[in-house]
Amino acid sequence: TLETSAEEALPYIDGWDESLRERTRRCGTVLRGGVFVRKPLPHWSFGRVTLLGDAAHAMEPFQAQGAAQAIEDAFVLGECVGRIGDDLAAAFEPYERIRMSRAVALQNGSRDVGADFYLPDGPEQVSRDARLAVLSGTQRWGTRQPIWEYDVRTDLELVCPRRREWIHFSRCDRLGAVSYAYADGVRIAYDEAGEGEGPALVFTTGWCSSRERWNRVAGV
């Protein structure tokens, strides 16, 4: 990023509203910065070290996704390491599988959107304006709506599901609509969910794969 004069900036807003051009003339400092396209990396991980954020997938700013994707990276990386444990190389594999395709798509998308935003006047620009004029009919929140609708937790559960372990409970009680299990004298609330072999009972600290097995280990 370099400092330049307001006069250098004026040709880029030629034909714009004169009040904007006058404000530009009065700027004491104008910054000129380059926007560079970075090719996607073939992989992010190197032994016990991996990359996230701009270090992994620097992208142009035209979809405002740089910081957002770093946050998604951090969430997925933390979950993969937490679920897999001390074997970092094993944890990095699902992290890359989940995140690389998403990041590369946004890198390419940001490049394409930048080209679309800065079309010169002409048939392509007219076609773009017409498309944007009716976009709210299908995408109420604008061009970035599909990006915002993505839920990284869906891919996380598909690629790196949470480990499930058997927990043996001594007994269980039902108080109103809430059920409790007891393990080593500690009361644990649980909810019913449709997982495993029939209705599963999912606990805050573990799981039982079916009501029949629950009855067996809990002695009810």
C-alpha atoms as a PDB file:
ATOM      1  CA  THR A   1       0.000   0.000   0.000  1.00  0.00           C
ATOM      2  CA  LEU A   2       1.386   3.385  -1.065  1.00  0.00           C
ATOM      3  CA  GLU A   3       0.326   6.963  -0.601  1.00  0.00           C
ATOM      4  CA  THR A   4      -0.644   8.800  -3.757  1.00  0.00           C
ATOM      5  CA  SER A   5      -2.286  12.060  -4.723  1.00  0.00           C
ATOM      6  CA  ALA A   6      -5.987  12.718  -5.023  1.00  0.00           C
ATOM      7  CA  GLU A   7      -5.396  13.719  -8.626  1.00  0.00           C
ATOM      8  CA  GLU A   8      -4.302  10.185  -9.454  1.00  0.00           C
ATOM      9  CA  ALA A   9      -7.575   8.831  -8.048  1.00  0.00           C
ATOM     10  CA  LEU A  10      -9.893  11.191  -9.930  1.00  0.00           C
ATOM     11  CA  PRO A  11      -9.756   9.456 -13.345  1.00  0.00           C
ATOM     12  CA  TYR A  12     -11.155   6.292 -11.708  1.00  0.00           C
ATOM     13  CA  ILE A  13     -14.336   8.154 -10.734  1.00  0.00           C
ATOM     14  CA  ASP A  14     -14.683  10.167 -13.907  1.00  0.00           C
ATOM     15  CA  GLY A  15     -18.358  10.795 -14.612  1.00  0.00           C
ATOM     16  CA  TRP A  16     -19.409  10.181 -11.004  1.00  0.00           C
ATOM     17  CA  ASP A  17     -21.369  12.706  -8.954  1.00  0.00           C
ATOM     18  CA  GLU A  18     -19.409  15.934  -8.680  1.00  0.00           C
ATOM     19  CA  SER A  19     -19.865  16.124  -4.904  1.00  0.00           C
ATOM     20  CA  LEU A  20     -17.966  12.826  -4.570  1.00  0.00           C
ATOM     21  CA  ARG A  21     -15.229  14.037  -6.888  1.00  0.00           C
ATOM     22  CA  GLU A  22     -14.880  17.228  -4.842  1.00  0.00           C
ATOM     23  CA  ARG A  23     -14.591  15.254  -1.618  1.00  0.00           C
ATOM     24  CA  THR A  24     -11.868  13.167  -3.246  1.00  0.00           C
ATOM     25  CA  ARG A  25      -9.961  16.298  -4.265  1.00  0.00           C
ATOM     26  CA  ARG A  26      -9.997  17.458  -0.637  1.00  0.00           C
ATOM     27  CA  CYS A  27      -8.563  14.223   0.736  1.00  0.00           C
ATOM     28  CA  GLY A  28      -5.275  14.863   2.459  1.00  0.00           C
ATOM     29  CA  THR A  29      -4.142  11.269   1.983  1.00  0.00           C
ATOM     30  CA  VAL A  30      -5.146   8.732  -0.648  1.00  0.00           C
ATOM     31  CA  LEU A  31      -3.901   5.155  -0.347  1.00  0.00           C
ATOM     32  CA  ARG A  32      -3.285   2.933  -3.351  1.00  0.00           C
ATOM     33  CA  GLY A  33      -3.233  -0.784  -2.676  1.00  0.00           C
ATOM     34  CA  GLY A  34      -2.794  -3.780  -4.909  1.00  0.00           C
ATOM     35  CA  VAL A  35      -5.247  -6.687  -4.961  1.00  0.00           C
ATOM     36  CA  PHE A  36      -3.528  -9.928  -5.855  1.00  0.00           C
ATOM     37  CA  VAL A  37      -4.952 -13.314  -6.806  1.00  0.00           C
ATOM     38  CA  ARG A  38      -3.406 -16.239  -4.967  1.00  0.00           C
ATOM     39  CA  LYS A  39      -3.599 -19.699  -6.454  1.00  0.00           C
ATOM     40  CA  PRO A  40      -5.140 -22.308  -4.144  1.00  0.00           C
ATOM     41  CA  LEU A  41      -2.585 -24.410  -2.271  1.00  0.00           C
ATOM     42  CA  PRO A  42      -2.461 -28.185  -2.875  1.00  0.00           C
ATOM     43  CA  HIS A  43      -2.546 -28.835   0.884  1.00  0.00           C
ATOM     44  CA  TRP A  44      -2.372 -26.896   4.139  1.00  0.00           C
ATOM     45  CA  SER A  45      -0.759 -29.311   6.583  1.00  0.00           C
ATOM     46  CA  PHE A  46       2.881 -30.160   7.098  1.00  0.00           C
ATOM     47  CA  GLY A  47       3.473 -32.778   9.791  1.00  0.00           C
ATOM     48  CA  ARG A  48       2.268 -31.303  13.083  1.00  0.00           C
ATOM     49  CA  VAL A  49       1.729 -27.837  11.593  1.00  0.00           C
ATOM     50  CA  THR A  50      -1.267 -26.631   9.598  1.00  0.00           C
ATOM     51  CA  LEU A  51      -2.491 -23.338   8.188  1.00  0.00           C
ATOM     52  CA  LEU A  52      -5.715 -21.402   8.535  1.00  0.00           C
ATOM     53  CA  GLY A  53      -7.120 -18.045   7.490  1.00  0.00           C
ATOM     54  CA  ASP A  54      -5.188 -15.929   4.999  1.00  0.00           C
ATOM     55  CA  ALA A  55      -2.104 -18.106   5.454  1.00  0.00           C
ATOM     56  CA  ALA A  56      -4.075 -20.962   3.892  1.00  0.00           C
ATOM     57  CA  HIS A  57      -6.411 -19.205   1.466  1.00  0.00           C
ATOM     58  CA  ALA A  58      -5.870 -15.480   1.004  1.00  0.00           C
ATOM     59  CA  MET A  59      -8.689 -14.187  -1.168  1.00  0.00           C
ATOM     60  CA  GLU A  60      -9.802 -10.964  -2.791  1.00  0.00           C
ATOM     61  CA  PRO A  61     -12.110  -8.805  -0.649  1.00  0.00           C
ATOM     62  CA  PHE A  62     -15.137  -8.696  -2.937  1.00  0.00           C
ATOM     63  CA  GLN A  63     -17.258 -11.125  -0.891  1.00  0.00           C
ATOM     64  CA  ALA A  64     -16.039  -9.920   2.534  1.00  0.00           C
ATOM     65  CA  GLN A  65     -15.102 -13.484   3.519  1.00  0.00           C
ATOM     66  CA  GLY A  66     -11.503 -13.276   4.712  1.00  0.00           C
ATOM     67  CA  ALA A  67     -12.168 -13.048   8.452  1.00  0.00           C
ATOM     68  CA  ALA A  68     -15.333 -15.174   8.213  1.00  0.00           C
ATOM     69  CA  GLN A  69     -13.440 -18.072   6.662  1.00  0.00           C
ATOM     70  CA  ALA A  70     -10.672 -17.832   9.257  1.00  0.00           C
ATOM     71  CA  ILE A  71     -13.354 -18.237  11.944  1.00  0.00           C
ATOM     72  CA  GLU A  72     -14.802 -21.275  10.160  1.00  0.00           C
ATOM     73  CA  ASP A  73     -11.279 -22.724   9.882  1.00  0.00           C
ATOM     74  CA  ALA A  74     -10.635 -22.234  13.590  1.00  0.00           C
ATOM     75  CA  PHE A  75     -13.941 -23.849  14.580  1.00  0.00           C
ATOM     76  CA  VAL A  76     -13.413 -26.922  12.395  1.00  0.00           C
ATOM     77  CA  LEU A  77      -9.753 -27.306  13.372  1.00  0.00           C
ATOM     78  CA  GLY A  78     -10.593 -27.120  17.066  1.00  0.00           C
ATOM     79  CA  GLU A  79     -13.397 -29.658  16.698  1.00  0.00           C
ATOM     80  CA  CYS A  80     -11.247 -32.095  14.685  1.00  0.00           C
ATOM     81  CA  VAL A  81      -8.402 -31.946  17.191  1.00  0.00           C
ATOM     82  CA  GLY A  82     -10.822 -32.265  20.096  1.00  0.00           C
ATOM     83  CA  ARG A  83     -12.589 -35.252  18.581  1.00  0.00           C
ATOM     84  CA  ILE A  84      -9.533 -37.156  17.330  1.00  0.00           C
ATOM     85  CA  GLY A  85      -7.118 -36.352  20.150  1.00  0.00           C
ATOM     86  CA  ASP A  86      -3.348 -36.078  20.264  1.00  0.00           C
ATOM     87  CA  ASP A  87      -2.690 -37.437  16.755  1.00  0.00           C
ATOM     88  CA  LEU A  88      -2.523 -34.049  15.029  1.00  0.00           C
ATOM     89  CA  ALA A  89      -1.732 -35.446  11.600  1.00  0.00           C
ATOM     90  CA  ALA A  90      -4.898 -37.530  11.807  1.00  0.00           C
ATOM     91  CA  ALA A  91      -6.895 -34.487  12.917  1.00  0.00           C
ATOM     92  CA  PHE A  92      -5.565 -32.326  10.087  1.00  0.00           C
ATOM     93  CA  GLU A  93      -6.813 -34.747   7.426  1.00  0.00           C
ATOM     94  CA  PRO A  94     -10.554 -34.184   8.027  1.00  0.00           C
ATOM     95  CA  TYR A  95      -9.865 -30.497   8.681  1.00  0.00           C
ATOM     96  CA  GLU A  96      -8.461 -30.155   5.156  1.00  0.00           C
ATOM     97  CA  ARG A  97     -11.236 -32.263   3.648  1.00  0.00           C
ATOM     98  CA  ILE A  98     -13.897 -30.066   5.195  1.00  0.00           C
ATOM     99  CA  ARG A  99     -12.307 -26.686   4.674  1.00  0.00           C
ATOM    100  CA  MET A 100     -10.265 -26.763   1.471  1.00  0.00           C
ATOM    101  CA  SER A 101     -13.132 -27.194  -0.985  1.00  0.00           C
ATOM    102  CA  ARG A 102     -15.126 -24.431   0.713  1.00  0.00           C
ATOM    103  CA  ALA A 103     -12.169 -22.032   0.804  1.00  0.00           C
ATOM    104  CA  VAL A 104     -11.121 -22.676  -2.785  1.00  0.00           C
ATOM    105  CA  ALA A 105     -14.683 -22.099  -3.994  1.00  0.00           C
ATOM    106  CA  LEU A 106     -14.748 -18.764  -2.186  1.00  0.00           C
ATOM    107  CA  GLN A 107     -11.316 -17.792  -3.487  1.00  0.00           C
ATOM    108  CA  ASN A 108     -12.514 -18.367  -7.029  1.00  0.00           C
ATOM    109  CA  GLY A 109     -15.870 -16.778  -6.328  1.00  0.00           C
ATOM    110  CA  SER A 110     -14.299 -13.634  -4.901  1.00  0.00           C
ATOM    111  CA  ARG A 111     -12.136 -13.296  -7.997  1.00  0.00           C
ATOM    112  CA  ASP A 112     -15.155 -13.683 -10.279  1.00  0.00           C
ATOM    113  CA  VAL A 113     -17.283 -11.259  -8.270  1.00  0.00           C
ATOM    114  CA  GLY A 114     -14.518  -8.664  -8.448  1.00  0.00           C
ATOM    115  CA  ALA A 115     -14.478  -8.951 -12.228  1.00  0.00           C
ATOM    116  CA  ASP A 116     -18.272  -8.674 -12.260  1.00  0.00           C
ATOM    117  CA  PHE A 117     -18.298  -5.575 -10.044  1.00  0.00           C
ATOM    118  CA  TYR A 118     -15.843  -3.688 -12.242  1.00  0.00           C
ATOM    119  CA  LEU A 119     -17.225  -4.418 -15.681  1.00  0.00           C
ATOM    120  CA  PRO A 120     -16.791  -1.493 -18.073  1.00  0.00           C
ATOM    121  CA  ASP A 121     -19.923   0.055 -19.515  1.00  0.00           C
ATOM    122  CA  GLY A 122     -21.339  -2.153 -22.235  1.00  0.00           C
ATOM    123  CA  PRO A 123     -23.509  -5.207 -22.902  1.00  0.00           C
ATOM    124  CA  GLU A 124     -21.995  -7.288 -20.053  1.00  0.00           C
ATOM    125  CA  GLN A 125     -22.538  -4.467 -17.587  1.00  0.00           C
ATOM    126  CA  VAL A 126     -26.151  -4.036 -18.740  1.00  0.00           C
ATOM    127  CA  SER A 127     -26.770  -7.778 -18.359  1.00  0.00           C
ATOM    128  CA  ARG A 128     -25.250  -7.740 -14.863  1.00  0.00           C
ATOM    129  CA  ASP A 129     -27.395  -4.785 -13.790  1.00  0.00           C
ATOM    130  CA  ALA A 130     -30.530  -6.522 -15.056  1.00  0.00           C
ATOM    131  CA  ARG A 131     -29.635  -9.676 -13.156  1.00  0.00           C
ATOM    132  CA  LEU A 132     -29.008  -7.787  -9.919  1.00  0.00           C
ATOM    133  CA  ALA A 133     -32.238  -5.813 -10.315  1.00  0.00           C
ATOM    134  CA  VAL A 134     -34.338  -8.979  -9.892  1.00  0.00           C
ATOM    135  CA  LEU A 135     -32.035 -10.868  -7.537  1.00  0.00           C
ATOM    136  CA  SER A 136     -34.123 -10.103  -4.450  1.00  0.00           C
ATOM    137  CA  GLY A 137     -36.853 -12.344  -5.833  1.00  0.00           C
ATOM    138  CA  THR A 138     -34.714 -15.434  -5.243  1.00  0.00           C
ATOM    139  CA  GLN A 139     -32.018 -14.210  -2.847  1.00  0.00           C
ATOM    140  CA  ARG A 140     -33.532 -11.797  -0.378  1.00  0.00           C
ATOM    141  CA  TRP A 141     -30.214 -11.047   1.310  1.00  0.00           C
ATOM    142  CA  GLY A 142     -28.275 -10.395  -1.871  1.00  0.00           C
ATOM    143  CA  THR A 143     -25.397 -11.988  -3.709  1.00  0.00           C
ATOM    144  CA  ARG A 144     -23.762 -13.433  -0.586  1.00  0.00           C
ATOM    145  CA  GLN A 145     -26.858 -15.229   0.695  1.00  0.00           C
ATOM    146  CA  PRO A 146     -25.667 -18.733  -0.371  1.00  0.00           C
ATOM    147  CA  ILE A 147     -22.423 -18.144   1.520  1.00  0.00           C
ATOM    148  CA  TRP A 148     -24.278 -17.222   4.698  1.00  0.00           C
ATOM    149  CA  GLU A 149     -26.672 -20.169   4.424  1.00  0.00           C
ATOM    150  CA  TYR A 150     -23.835 -22.683   4.625  1.00  0.00           C
ATOM    151  CA  ASP A 151     -23.542 -24.460   8.000  1.00  0.00           C
ATOM    152  CA  VAL A 152     -20.060 -25.841   8.545  1.00  0.00           C
ATOM    153  CA  ARG A 153     -21.350 -28.154  11.280  1.00  0.00           C
ATOM    154  CA  THR A 154     -23.097 -30.300   8.660  1.00  0.00           C
ATOM    155  CA  ASP A 155     -19.847 -31.151   6.877  1.00  0.00           C
ATOM    156  CA  LEU A 156     -18.083 -31.569  10.214  1.00  0.00           C
ATOM    157  CA  GLU A 157     -20.506 -34.263  11.339  1.00  0.00           C
ATOM    158  CA  LEU A 158     -20.248 -36.074   7.993  1.00  0.00           C
ATOM    159  CA  VAL A 159     -16.446 -36.095   7.786  1.00  0.00           C
ATOM    160  CA  CYS A 160     -15.398 -36.115  11.438  1.00  0.00           C
ATOM    161  CA  PRO A 161     -18.300 -37.360  13.589  1.00  0.00           C
ATOM    162  CA  ARG A 162     -18.111 -37.079  17.336  1.00  0.00           C
ATOM    163  CA  ARG A 163     -16.766 -40.182  19.019  1.00  0.00           C
ATOM    164  CA  ARG A 164     -19.405 -42.142  20.953  1.00  0.00           C
ATOM    165  CA  GLU A 165     -18.560 -44.197  23.977  1.00  0.00           C
ATOM    166  CA  TRP A 166     -20.501 -46.636  26.126  1.00  0.00           C
ATOM    167  CA  ILE A 167     -21.279 -45.458  29.635  1.00  0.00           C
ATOM    168  CA  HIS A 168     -22.729 -47.855  32.186  1.00  0.00           C
ATOM    169  CA  PHE A 169     -25.366 -46.361  34.433  1.00  0.00           C
ATOM    170  CA  SER A 170     -26.520 -47.762  37.727  1.00  0.00           C
ATOM    171  CA  ARG A 171     -30.145 -46.625  37.548  1.00  0.00           C
ATOM    172  CA  CYS A 172     -32.430 -44.036  36.023  1.00  0.00           C
ATOM    173  CA  ASP A 173     -35.362 -41.919  37.161  1.00  0.00           C
ATOM    174  CA  ARG A 174     -38.005 -39.916  35.398  1.00  0.00           C
ATOM    175  CA  LEU A 175     -39.123 -36.678  37.003  1.00  0.00           C
ATOM    176  CA  GLY A 176     -41.973 -35.235  34.960  1.00  0.00           C
ATOM    177  CA  ALA A 177     -40.785 -34.874  31.371  1.00  0.00           C
ATOM    178  CA  VAL A 178     -37.079 -35.092  32.271  1.00  0.00           C
ATOM    179  CA  SER A 179     -35.176 -38.343  32.652  1.00  0.00           C
ATOM    180  CA  TYR A 180     -31.986 -38.824  34.627  1.00  0.00           C
ATOM    181  CA  ALA A 181     -29.293 -41.472  34.630  1.00  0.00           C
ATOM    182  CA  TYR A 182     -26.811 -42.179  37.398  1.00  0.00           C
ATOM    183  CA  ALA A 183     -23.162 -42.987  36.710  1.00  0.00           C
ATOM    184  CA  ASP A 184     -20.782 -43.228  39.656  1.00  0.00           C
ATOM    185  CA  GLY A 185     -23.318 -41.392  41.767  1.00  0.00           C
ATOM    186  CA  VAL A 186     -23.577 -38.418  39.379  1.00  0.00           C
ATOM    187  CA  ARG A 187     -27.022 -37.593  37.999  1.00  0.00           C
ATOM    188  CA  ILE A 188     -27.010 -36.862  34.239  1.00  0.00           C
ATOM    189  CA  ALA A 189     -30.013 -35.589  32.285  1.00  0.00           C
ATOM    190  CA  TYR A 190     -30.671 -37.155  28.909  1.00  0.00           C
ATOM    191  CA  ASP A 191     -32.938 -36.716  25.904  1.00  0.00           C
ATOM    192  CA  GLU A 192     -34.334 -39.218  23.462  1.00  0.00           C
ATOM    193  CA  ALA A 193     -33.159 -39.004  19.839  1.00  0.00           C
ATOM    194  CA  GLY A 194     -33.569 -41.187  16.775  1.00  0.00           C
ATOM    195  CA  GLU A 195     -30.045 -42.525  16.420  1.00  0.00           C
ATOM    196  CA  GLY A 196     -28.554 -45.992  16.361  1.00  0.00           C
ATOM    197  CA  GLU A 197     -30.736 -49.093  16.669  1.00  0.00           C
ATOM    198  CA  GLY A 198     -34.110 -47.568  17.395  1.00  0.00           C
ATOM    199  CA  PRO A 199     -34.695 -44.636  19.761  1.00  0.00           C
ATOM    200  CA  ALA A 200     -31.299 -43.700  21.145  1.00  0.00           C
ATOM    201  CA  LEU A 201     -30.716 -42.067  24.503  1.00  0.00           C
ATOM    202  CA  VAL A 202     -28.122 -39.324  24.136  1.00  0.00           C
ATOM    203  CA  PHE A 203     -26.345 -38.133  27.262  1.00  0.00           C
ATOM    204  CA  THR A 204     -24.227 -35.119  28.063  1.00  0.00           C
ATOM    205  CA  THR A 205     -21.254 -37.408  28.655  1.00  0.00           C
ATOM    206  CA  GLY A 206     -21.977 -40.461  26.523  1.00  0.00           C
ATOM    207  CA  TRP A 207     -24.573 -42.499  24.729  1.00  0.00           C
ATOM    208  CA  CYS A 208     -26.459 -45.768  24.655  1.00  0.00           C
ATOM    209  CA  SER A 209     -27.300 -47.092  21.207  1.00  0.00           C
ATOM    210  CA  SER A 210     -30.841 -48.319  21.872  1.00  0.00           C
ATOM    211  CA  ARG A 211     -33.586 -48.382  24.466  1.00  0.00           C
ATOM    212  CA  GLU A 212     -33.123 -52.154  24.890  1.00  0.00           C
ATOM    213  CA  ARG A 213     -29.424 -51.787  25.709  1.00  0.00           C
ATOM    214  CA  TRP A 214     -30.201 -48.827  27.957  1.00  0.00           C
ATOM    215  CA  ASN A 215     -32.608 -50.991  29.926  1.00  0.00           C
ATOM    216  CA  ARG A 216     -29.992 -53.708  30.214  1.00  0.00           C
ATOM    217  CA  VAL A 217     -27.091 -51.541  31.432  1.00  0.00           C
ATOM    218  CA  ALA A 218     -29.283 -49.354  33.623  1.00  0.00           C
ATOM    219  CA  GLY A 219     -31.136 -52.240  35.170  1.00  0.00           C
ATOM    220  CA  VAL A 220     -34.641 -50.906  34.468  1.00  0.00           C
END
